[in-house]
Amino acid sequence: MQRRNSRLLIGAGLTVVGALTLSACGSGSGFSSDSATTGGELTSDSSQGLSVLIGSSGDAETAAVNAAVAAWAKTSGTNAEVSVASDLNQQLAQGFAAQKPADVFYLSTDALAGYASNGSLLAYGDNLANKDDFYPSLVSAFTYDGEFYCAPKDFSTLQLLINTDLWAQAGLTDADIPTTWNELATVSATLTTDSQVGLALGSEYARLGAFMAQAGGSLMNEDSTEATANSPENVAGLEYAQTLLNDGVMSYASEIGAGWGGEAFGKQLSAMTIEGNWITGAMTNDFPDVNYTVAELPAGPEGKGTLQFTNCWGIAADSPNQTAALNLVEQLTSKDAQLTFSEEFGPMPSIMSAAAEWKSANPTLIPFLDGADYAQGVPIVQGAADVVSDLNAQLESLKTGNAQAILDSTQKNLQALLK
């Protein structure tokens, strides 16, 4: 997943209100409730070609997906056409509302519940030949109401990026790379000067939530059936971030003249940032002279913690050729395909069997993939995106705010969704 896709998922907006509203109009018609899940027989109209709808990060991703789909079409004998959406959420929702959805499409975690709950999606996860190869945390991200709906196509995690030149200028060595909260606070102070702050990051949950995870917290329990936003662990995570902000050793990117953490880091307004592996493209293209290394985020009171971001390959319940769609998805999530995608436009493979080869090809980025073992995703209950958007607005004033009050508000909003 590249930077543009990731910021779609995790920026201050973090909402697919239009998509979820329109998707409520979609009926998933043409199939019984069983046929829209793994309990029914897949449709197999071989006369029908497949339409594939994606949201692309750029020419490299578009070309790679087009090539992979074309190769599958040639081998399978089934026509398949890729369309690149200018607004994926809107076009996907419009397709469902018109009962003419794409057969196969990119689907985000925060859109899953809305489409799954009204029968628009085929829950095909358990039909995948490679279902046991996906990272368990990614399977959980696309499991709704006990059903594994769709194959994760790739993923990203947050980790710590360090400017190695500024690090050395401050007299720090590899032995000083922080592994605990106390050590992170110490090196952030050491790296803070009149011209730079030690650590900069975005003001949203999709960055600050990493501290909550390291404290042992999460917005909801693992299957998104219980709100846990105002737990003591989450409060501790935000209060730790609040301390760094008030001590002047950490800043929001917007406070120091940058649009996001990667820009603050690239312009050397900060010596460290917390970002995902999509930052590598920005560093190569926009800041090629900045030398940096990647380290795992320091452990908090409850150990290591980070957030993950992912999309899956959705299949429409209304697709007349679900069998071919499933076969295409299996090809697109195969090891060879995912390693090719990684080489072409940078995402991390969603399957464990590709890990060793990916690490060999990307030795400096290994911490991002190691995060798969302990990463947590965003809640998948319908409407959670709106709640997170409200949380983001409150987190902008965390420096002078009350962490408990902020999370109490989020808790109330999440509980309302569950009712």
Protein backbone atom coordinates (compact mmCIF):
# COMPACT_ATOMS: atom_id res chain seq x y z
CA MET A 1 0.00 0.00 0.00
CA GLN A 2 1.45 3.29 -1.03
CA ARG A 3 1.30 6.61 0.71
CA ARG A 4 -1.76 7.90 -1.15
CA ASN A 5 -3.84 4.80 -0.39
CA SER A 6 -2.77 4.76 3.21
CA ARG A 7 -3.62 8.36 3.86
CA LEU A 8 -7.03 7.70 2.32
CA LEU A 9 -7.56 5.17 5.07
CA ILE A 10 -5.98 6.94 7.97
CA GLY A 11 -6.00 10.66 7.45
CA ALA A 12 -8.10 13.11 9.40
CA GLY A 13 -11.15 12.28 7.31
CA LEU A 14 -11.03 8.54 7.81
CA THR A 15 -14.63 8.25 6.70
CA VAL A 16 -16.65 6.55 4.05
CA VAL A 17 -19.97 8.03 4.99
CA GLY A 18 -21.08 8.43 1.39
CA ALA A 19 -20.11 4.87 0.57
CA LEU A 20 -21.90 3.40 3.53
CA THR A 21 -24.99 5.51 2.92
CA LEU A 22 -25.21 4.50 -0.70
CA SER A 23 -24.37 0.90 0.05
CA ALA A 24 -27.44 0.72 2.21
CA CYS A 25 -29.38 1.07 -1.04
CA GLY A 26 -27.69 -1.98 -2.50
CA SER A 27 -29.74 -5.11 -2.08
CA GLY A 28 -27.27 -7.82 -2.91
CA SER A 29 -30.19 -9.01 -5.01
CA GLY A 30 -30.26 -12.08 -7.17
CA PHE A 31 -29.01 -14.49 -4.52
CA SER A 32 -30.40 -15.99 -1.39
CA SER A 33 -28.76 -15.04 1.88
CA ASP A 34 -26.93 -18.36 1.77
CA SER A 35 -25.51 -17.80 -1.68
CA ALA A 36 -23.96 -14.54 -0.55
CA THR A 37 -21.81 -16.44 1.92
CA THR A 38 -19.64 -19.50 1.95
CA GLY A 39 -22.72 -21.57 2.73
CA GLY A 40 -24.03 -21.41 -0.85
CA GLU A 41 -22.77 -22.51 -4.27
CA LEU A 42 -20.77 -19.93 -6.22
CA THR A 43 -22.19 -18.59 -9.46
CA SER A 44 -20.27 -19.70 -12.56
CA ASP A 45 -21.54 -18.00 -15.69
CA SER A 46 -18.50 -18.54 -17.92
CA SER A 47 -19.93 -16.26 -20.60
CA GLN A 48 -19.45 -13.30 -18.32
CA GLY A 49 -16.15 -11.46 -18.11
CA LEU A 50 -14.97 -9.80 -14.90
CA SER A 51 -14.80 -6.12 -14.05
CA VAL A 52 -12.12 -5.09 -11.54
CA LEU A 53 -12.29 -1.72 -9.75
CA ILE A 54 -9.21 -0.38 -7.96
CA GLY A 55 -8.03 2.80 -6.32
CA SER A 56 -4.48 3.37 -7.47
CA SER A 57 -1.55 5.16 -5.87
CA GLY A 58 -0.12 5.97 -9.28
CA ASP A 59 1.01 4.69 -12.65
CA ALA A 60 3.19 1.94 -11.18
CA GLU A 61 0.33 0.35 -9.27
CA THR A 62 -2.07 0.68 -12.19
CA ALA A 63 0.39 -0.95 -14.58
CA ALA A 64 1.18 -3.78 -12.17
CA VAL A 65 -2.46 -4.67 -11.51
CA ASN A 66 -3.32 -4.41 -15.19
CA ALA A 67 -0.46 -6.76 -16.09
CA ALA A 68 -1.41 -9.30 -13.43
CA VAL A 69 -5.09 -9.33 -14.40
CA ALA A 70 -4.25 -9.56 -18.11
CA ALA A 71 -1.95 -12.52 -17.48
CA TRP A 72 -4.69 -14.29 -15.50
CA ALA A 73 -7.26 -13.58 -18.24
CA LYS A 74 -5.00 -15.05 -20.90
CA THR A 75 -4.41 -18.21 -18.88
CA SER A 76 -7.98 -18.66 -17.68
CA GLY A 77 -9.73 -17.74 -20.91
CA THR A 78 -12.02 -15.34 -19.01
CA ASN A 79 -12.01 -11.70 -20.02
CA ALA A 80 -11.20 -9.23 -17.26
CA GLU A 81 -11.00 -5.45 -17.38
CA VAL A 82 -9.45 -3.16 -14.76
CA SER A 83 -10.90 0.29 -14.06
CA VAL A 84 -9.13 2.86 -11.92
CA ALA A 85 -11.53 4.85 -9.75
CA SER A 86 -11.04 8.56 -9.26
CA ASP A 87 -13.04 8.19 -6.03
CA LEU A 88 -13.11 4.51 -5.08
CA ASN A 89 -15.58 4.75 -2.20
CA GLN A 90 -18.05 6.78 -4.25
CA GLN A 91 -17.86 4.67 -7.39
CA LEU A 92 -18.07 1.44 -5.44
CA ALA A 93 -21.16 2.67 -3.61
CA GLN A 94 -22.78 3.87 -6.83
CA GLY A 95 -22.25 0.47 -8.41
CA PHE A 96 -23.96 -1.29 -5.52
CA ALA A 97 -26.80 1.23 -5.48
CA ALA A 98 -27.42 0.62 -9.19
CA GLN A 99 -27.13 -3.16 -8.66
CA LYS A 100 -24.27 -3.19 -11.16
CA PRO A 101 -21.20 -3.45 -8.95
CA ALA A 102 -17.75 -4.43 -10.14
CA ASP A 103 -17.13 -8.15 -9.75
CA VAL A 104 -13.84 -7.65 -7.89
CA PHE A 105 -12.70 -4.49 -6.12
CA TYR A 106 -10.46 -2.94 -3.48
CA LEU A 107 -12.30 -2.77 -0.15
CA SER A 108 -11.11 -1.03 3.02
CA THR A 109 -11.61 -2.31 6.54
CA ASP A 110 -13.84 0.61 7.48
CA ALA A 111 -16.16 -0.08 4.53
CA LEU A 112 -16.49 -3.81 5.22
CA ALA A 113 -19.26 -3.73 7.81
CA GLY A 114 -21.60 -1.54 5.78
CA TYR A 115 -21.47 -3.73 2.70
CA ALA A 116 -21.35 -7.05 4.55
CA SER A 117 -24.34 -6.23 6.74
CA ASN A 118 -26.70 -5.71 3.79
CA GLY A 119 -25.61 -8.73 1.75
CA SER A 120 -23.65 -6.84 -0.91
CA LEU A 121 -20.50 -8.91 -0.43
CA LEU A 122 -19.63 -12.51 -1.07
CA ALA A 123 -18.08 -14.00 2.06
CA TYR A 124 -15.57 -16.17 0.25
CA GLY A 125 -12.62 -16.20 2.65
CA ASP A 126 -13.03 -19.80 3.74
CA ASN A 127 -13.11 -20.88 0.08
CA LEU A 128 -9.58 -19.60 -0.57
CA ALA A 129 -7.00 -22.29 -1.21
CA ASN A 130 -4.43 -20.05 0.53
CA LYS A 131 -6.66 -18.95 3.43
CA ASP A 132 -4.25 -20.29 6.06
CA ASP A 133 -1.34 -18.32 4.60
CA PHE A 134 -2.68 -14.86 5.48
CA TYR A 135 -1.45 -13.17 8.65
CA PRO A 136 -4.05 -13.83 11.39
CA SER A 137 -4.36 -10.13 12.20
CA LEU A 138 -5.31 -9.45 8.58
CA VAL A 139 -7.88 -12.23 8.59
CA SER A 140 -9.41 -10.65 11.70
CA ALA A 141 -9.53 -7.29 9.93
CA PHE A 142 -11.82 -8.75 7.26
CA THR A 143 -13.92 -11.01 9.46
CA TYR A 144 -17.41 -9.70 10.11
CA ASP A 145 -20.06 -11.42 12.19
CA GLY A 146 -17.87 -14.51 12.36
CA GLU A 147 -17.29 -14.81 8.61
CA PHE A 148 -14.00 -14.26 6.76
CA TYR A 149 -15.17 -12.11 3.88
CA CYS A 150 -12.26 -11.29 1.62
CA ALA A 151 -8.56 -11.84 0.95
CA PRO A 152 -6.24 -9.10 2.28
CA LYS A 153 -4.35 -7.81 -0.73
CA ASP A 154 -1.41 -6.24 1.15
CA PHE A 155 -0.80 -4.21 4.32
CA SER A 156 1.26 -1.59 6.14
CA THR A 157 2.30 -1.04 9.75
CA LEU A 158 3.63 1.94 11.68
CA GLN A 159 7.24 2.00 12.87
CA LEU A 160 9.90 4.52 13.92
CA LEU A 161 12.00 6.30 11.29
CA ILE A 162 15.27 7.89 12.37
CA ASN A 163 17.37 10.47 10.49
CA THR A 164 20.80 8.85 10.82
CA ASP A 165 22.77 12.04 10.13
CA LEU A 166 20.93 14.04 12.81
CA TRP A 167 21.22 11.04 15.11
CA ALA A 168 25.00 10.95 14.74
CA GLN A 169 25.29 14.74 15.10
CA ALA A 170 23.56 14.42 18.48
CA GLY A 171 26.18 11.90 19.59
CA LEU A 172 23.79 8.95 19.50
CA THR A 173 24.72 5.44 18.33
CA ASP A 174 22.89 2.25 17.45
CA ALA A 175 22.94 1.39 21.15
CA ASP A 176 20.66 4.38 21.77
CA ILE A 177 17.85 3.27 19.45
CA PRO A 178 14.89 3.37 21.86
CA THR A 179 13.19 0.18 22.93
CA THR A 180 11.08 1.62 25.78
CA TRP A 181 8.94 4.70 26.35
CA ASN A 182 11.51 6.19 28.70
CA GLU A 183 14.23 5.75 26.10
CA LEU A 184 12.04 7.31 23.40
CA ALA A 185 11.47 10.36 25.61
CA THR A 186 15.20 10.62 26.31
CA VAL A 187 16.37 10.47 22.69
CA SER A 188 13.55 12.79 21.59
CA ALA A 189 14.86 15.37 24.06
CA THR A 190 18.45 14.84 22.90
CA LEU A 191 17.44 15.35 19.26
CA THR A 192 15.37 18.48 19.89
CA THR A 193 17.17 21.68 18.89
CA ASP A 194 16.25 25.21 17.85
CA SER A 195 15.77 24.03 14.27
CA GLN A 196 14.13 20.61 14.77
CA VAL A 197 11.97 18.63 17.14
CA GLY A 198 12.99 15.15 18.19
CA LEU A 199 9.79 13.43 17.05
CA ALA A 200 6.93 14.56 14.79
CA LEU A 201 3.80 12.73 13.74
CA GLY A 202 0.24 13.25 12.59
CA SER A 203 -2.39 14.32 15.11
CA GLU A 204 -4.79 11.47 14.30
CA TYR A 205 -5.66 8.21 16.02
CA ALA A 206 -3.91 6.37 13.19
CA ARG A 207 -0.60 7.57 14.65
CA LEU A 208 -1.30 8.22 18.33
CA GLY A 209 -3.17 4.93 18.53
CA ALA A 210 0.20 3.17 18.45
CA PHE A 211 0.89 4.49 21.96
CA MET A 212 -2.49 3.18 23.07
CA ALA A 213 -1.64 -0.25 21.67
CA GLN A 214 1.74 -0.24 23.44
CA ALA A 215 -0.07 0.44 26.71
CA GLY A 216 -2.28 -2.60 26.09
CA GLY A 217 -5.32 -0.74 24.80
CA SER A 218 -7.55 -0.67 21.72
CA LEU A 219 -10.72 1.13 20.72
CA MET A 220 -12.71 -2.12 20.65
CA ASN A 221 -12.11 -5.75 21.53
CA GLU A 222 -10.73 -8.12 18.90
CA ASP A 223 -14.03 -8.95 17.23
CA SER A 224 -15.45 -5.41 17.55
CA THR A 225 -18.31 -6.47 19.82
CA GLU A 226 -17.34 -4.34 22.84
CA ALA A 227 -16.14 -0.75 23.09
CA THR A 228 -12.93 -0.35 25.14
CA ALA A 229 -11.96 3.19 24.15
CA ASN A 230 -11.82 4.71 27.63
CA SER A 231 -9.83 1.91 29.26
CA PRO A 232 -7.01 2.86 31.67
CA GLU A 233 -4.55 1.49 29.11
CA ASN A 234 -5.74 3.83 26.37
CA VAL A 235 -5.70 6.77 28.75
CA ALA A 236 -2.11 5.91 29.69
CA GLY A 237 -1.12 5.81 26.02
CA LEU A 238 -2.56 9.23 25.26
CA GLU A 239 -1.19 10.75 28.47
CA TYR A 240 2.29 9.55 27.50
CA ALA A 241 1.92 11.27 24.12
CA GLN A 242 0.57 14.33 25.89
CA THR A 243 3.67 14.47 28.09
CA LEU A 244 5.96 14.36 25.05
CA LEU A 245 3.97 17.17 23.45
CA ASN A 246 4.08 19.35 26.55
CA ASP A 247 7.78 18.70 27.08
CA GLY A 248 8.40 20.06 23.60
CA VAL A 249 10.20 16.93 22.39
CA MET A 250 7.35 15.81 20.13
CA SER A 251 5.18 17.92 17.83
CA TYR A 252 2.32 17.39 15.48
CA ALA A 253 3.47 17.79 11.88
CA SER A 254 0.94 20.59 11.36
CA GLU A 255 2.52 22.58 14.20
CA ILE A 256 5.89 22.76 12.48
CA GLY A 257 4.77 23.58 8.97
CA ALA A 258 4.32 20.12 7.46
CA GLY A 259 1.29 18.35 6.03
CA TRP A 260 2.15 14.93 7.48
CA GLY A 261 4.88 13.18 9.45
CA GLY A 262 6.75 12.14 6.32
CA GLU A 263 7.06 15.72 5.13
CA ALA A 264 8.26 16.90 8.55
CA PHE A 265 10.84 14.14 8.54
CA GLY A 266 11.90 14.70 4.94
CA LYS A 267 12.35 18.45 5.46
CA GLN A 268 14.36 17.63 8.59
CA LEU A 269 11.97 19.59 10.78
CA SER A 270 12.02 16.47 12.94
CA ALA A 271 14.73 13.91 13.54
CA MET A 272 12.25 11.05 13.92
CA THR A 273 8.72 10.24 12.83
CA ILE A 274 6.16 7.48 13.21
CA GLU A 275 4.91 6.42 9.79
CA GLY A 276 4.12 3.40 7.65
CA ASN A 277 6.17 1.77 4.92
CA TRP A 278 4.46 3.96 2.31
CA ILE A 279 6.90 6.69 3.38
CA THR A 280 9.69 5.02 1.42
CA GLY A 281 8.28 6.24 -1.87
CA ALA A 282 8.07 9.82 -0.61
CA MET A 283 11.62 9.70 0.71
CA THR A 284 12.98 8.34 -2.57
CA ASN A 285 11.05 10.79 -4.76
CA ASP A 286 10.95 13.94 -2.65
CA PHE A 287 13.81 13.70 -0.16
CA PRO A 288 16.50 11.50 -1.75
CA ASP A 289 19.34 13.15 0.19
CA VAL A 290 17.94 12.32 3.64
CA ASN A 291 19.57 9.25 5.16
CA TYR A 292 17.41 7.24 7.52
CA THR A 293 16.88 3.91 9.18
CA VAL A 294 13.77 2.10 10.36
CA ALA A 295 13.37 0.64 13.85
CA GLU A 296 10.47 -1.04 15.59
CA LEU A 297 8.45 1.28 17.77
CA PRO A 298 9.53 1.20 21.42
CA ALA A 299 7.58 -1.10 23.68
CA GLY A 300 5.16 0.40 26.15
CA PRO A 301 4.02 -0.88 29.58
CA GLU A 302 2.37 -3.90 27.94
CA GLY A 303 5.01 -4.58 25.30
CA LYS A 304 5.27 -3.89 21.58
CA GLY A 305 2.33 -2.37 19.77
CA THR A 306 1.53 -0.79 16.43
CA LEU A 307 -1.35 -0.24 14.03
CA GLN A 308 -1.93 -1.90 10.67
CA PHE A 309 -3.70 -0.68 7.55
CA THR A 310 -4.96 -2.89 4.79
CA ASN A 311 -7.40 -3.41 1.93
CA CYS A 312 -8.89 -6.63 0.65
CA TRP A 313 -10.12 -7.92 -2.69
CA GLY A 314 -13.89 -7.74 -2.35
CA ILE A 315 -16.19 -9.85 -4.53
CA ALA A 316 -19.76 -8.75 -5.18
CA ALA A 317 -22.62 -11.00 -4.13
CA ASP A 318 -24.26 -9.97 -7.42
CA SER A 319 -21.36 -11.14 -9.56
CA PRO A 320 -22.59 -13.69 -12.14
CA ASN A 321 -19.21 -15.42 -12.19
CA GLN A 322 -18.07 -15.68 -8.60
CA THR A 323 -16.05 -18.81 -9.35
CA ALA A 324 -13.83 -16.93 -11.79
CA ALA A 325 -13.62 -13.97 -9.42
CA LEU A 326 -12.39 -16.24 -6.64
CA ASN A 327 -9.83 -17.78 -8.98
CA LEU A 328 -8.58 -14.33 -9.95
CA VAL A 329 -8.22 -13.26 -6.32
CA GLU A 330 -6.26 -16.42 -5.53
CA GLN A 331 -3.87 -15.52 -8.33
CA LEU A 332 -3.58 -11.88 -7.23
CA THR A 333 -2.76 -12.94 -3.66
CA SER A 334 -0.31 -15.68 -4.64
CA LYS A 335 3.30 -15.36 -3.53
CA ASP A 336 4.64 -14.60 -6.99
CA ALA A 337 2.02 -11.93 -7.64
CA GLN A 338 2.44 -10.24 -4.28
CA LEU A 339 6.23 -10.17 -4.51
CA THR A 340 5.91 -8.66 -7.97
CA PHE A 341 3.50 -6.03 -6.66
CA SER A 342 5.94 -5.25 -3.86
CA GLU A 343 8.77 -4.75 -6.33
CA GLU A 344 6.65 -2.64 -8.65
CA PHE A 345 4.91 -0.29 -6.21
CA GLY A 346 5.96 -1.15 -2.66
CA PRO A 347 3.24 -2.89 -0.58
CA MET A 348 4.04 -5.64 1.91
CA PRO A 349 2.66 -9.10 1.05
CA SER A 350 -0.32 -10.23 3.10
CA ILE A 351 0.79 -13.88 3.17
CA MET A 352 3.32 -15.42 5.53
CA SER A 353 4.93 -17.60 2.85
CA ALA A 354 6.27 -14.48 1.13
CA ALA A 355 7.91 -13.05 4.25
CA ALA A 356 11.40 -14.53 3.86
CA GLU A 357 11.79 -13.45 0.24
CA TRP A 358 10.36 -10.00 0.96
CA LYS A 359 12.78 -9.49 3.85
CA SER A 360 15.68 -10.60 1.69
CA ALA A 361 14.71 -8.05 -0.97
CA ASN A 362 13.95 -5.27 1.56
CA PRO A 363 16.42 -5.68 4.44
CA THR A 364 16.12 -2.07 5.64
CA LEU A 365 12.32 -2.34 5.93
CA ILE A 366 12.13 -5.55 7.97
CA PRO A 367 10.75 -3.78 11.10
CA PHE A 368 7.58 -2.94 9.19
CA LEU A 369 6.90 -6.60 8.41
CA ASP A 370 7.90 -7.73 11.90
CA GLY A 371 5.07 -5.54 13.15
CA ALA A 372 2.57 -7.99 11.67
CA ASP A 373 3.05 -10.20 14.71
CA TYR A 374 1.58 -7.65 17.11
CA ALA A 375 -0.28 -5.05 15.01
CA GLN A 376 -3.92 -4.21 15.59
CA GLY A 377 -6.41 -2.83 13.11
CA VAL A 378 -9.20 -0.28 13.23
CA PRO A 379 -12.68 -1.30 14.45
CA ILE A 380 -14.85 -2.92 11.80
CA VAL A 381 -18.28 -2.13 13.25
CA GLN A 382 -20.49 -0.10 10.91
CA GLY A 383 -20.14 3.63 11.60
CA ALA A 384 -16.76 3.35 13.33
CA ALA A 385 -15.15 5.56 10.69
CA ASP A 386 -17.35 8.47 11.80
CA VAL A 387 -16.40 7.88 15.44
CA VAL A 388 -12.70 7.84 14.58
CA SER A 389 -13.14 11.05 12.60
CA ASP A 390 -14.61 12.70 15.68
CA LEU A 391 -11.76 11.31 17.81
CA ASN A 392 -9.24 12.77 15.36
CA ALA A 393 -10.78 16.22 15.76
CA GLN A 394 -10.44 15.97 19.54
CA LEU A 395 -6.87 14.69 19.39
CA GLU A 396 -5.78 17.86 17.62
CA SER A 397 -6.00 19.60 21.01
CA LEU A 398 -4.55 16.75 23.09
CA LYS A 399 -1.69 18.94 24.28
CA THR A 400 -4.05 21.04 26.40
CA GLY A 401 -6.92 18.56 26.55
CA ASN A 402 -8.01 15.80 28.89
CA ALA A 403 -7.21 12.30 27.66
CA GLN A 404 -9.86 10.67 29.83
CA ALA A 405 -12.58 13.04 28.62
CA ILE A 406 -11.59 12.55 24.97
CA LEU A 407 -11.77 8.79 25.30
CA ASP A 408 -14.99 8.88 27.34
CA SER A 409 -16.59 10.68 24.39
CA THR A 410 -15.25 8.07 21.97
CA GLN A 411 -16.48 5.28 24.23
CA LYS A 412 -19.99 6.73 24.25
CA ASN A 413 -20.00 7.04 20.46
CA LEU A 414 -18.80 3.47 19.93
CA GLN A 415 -21.32 2.07 22.38
CA ALA A 416 -24.07 3.84 20.46
CA LEU A 417 -23.03 1.93 17.33
CA LEU A 418 -23.30 -1.38 19.12
CA LYS A 419 -26.86 -0.65 20.24
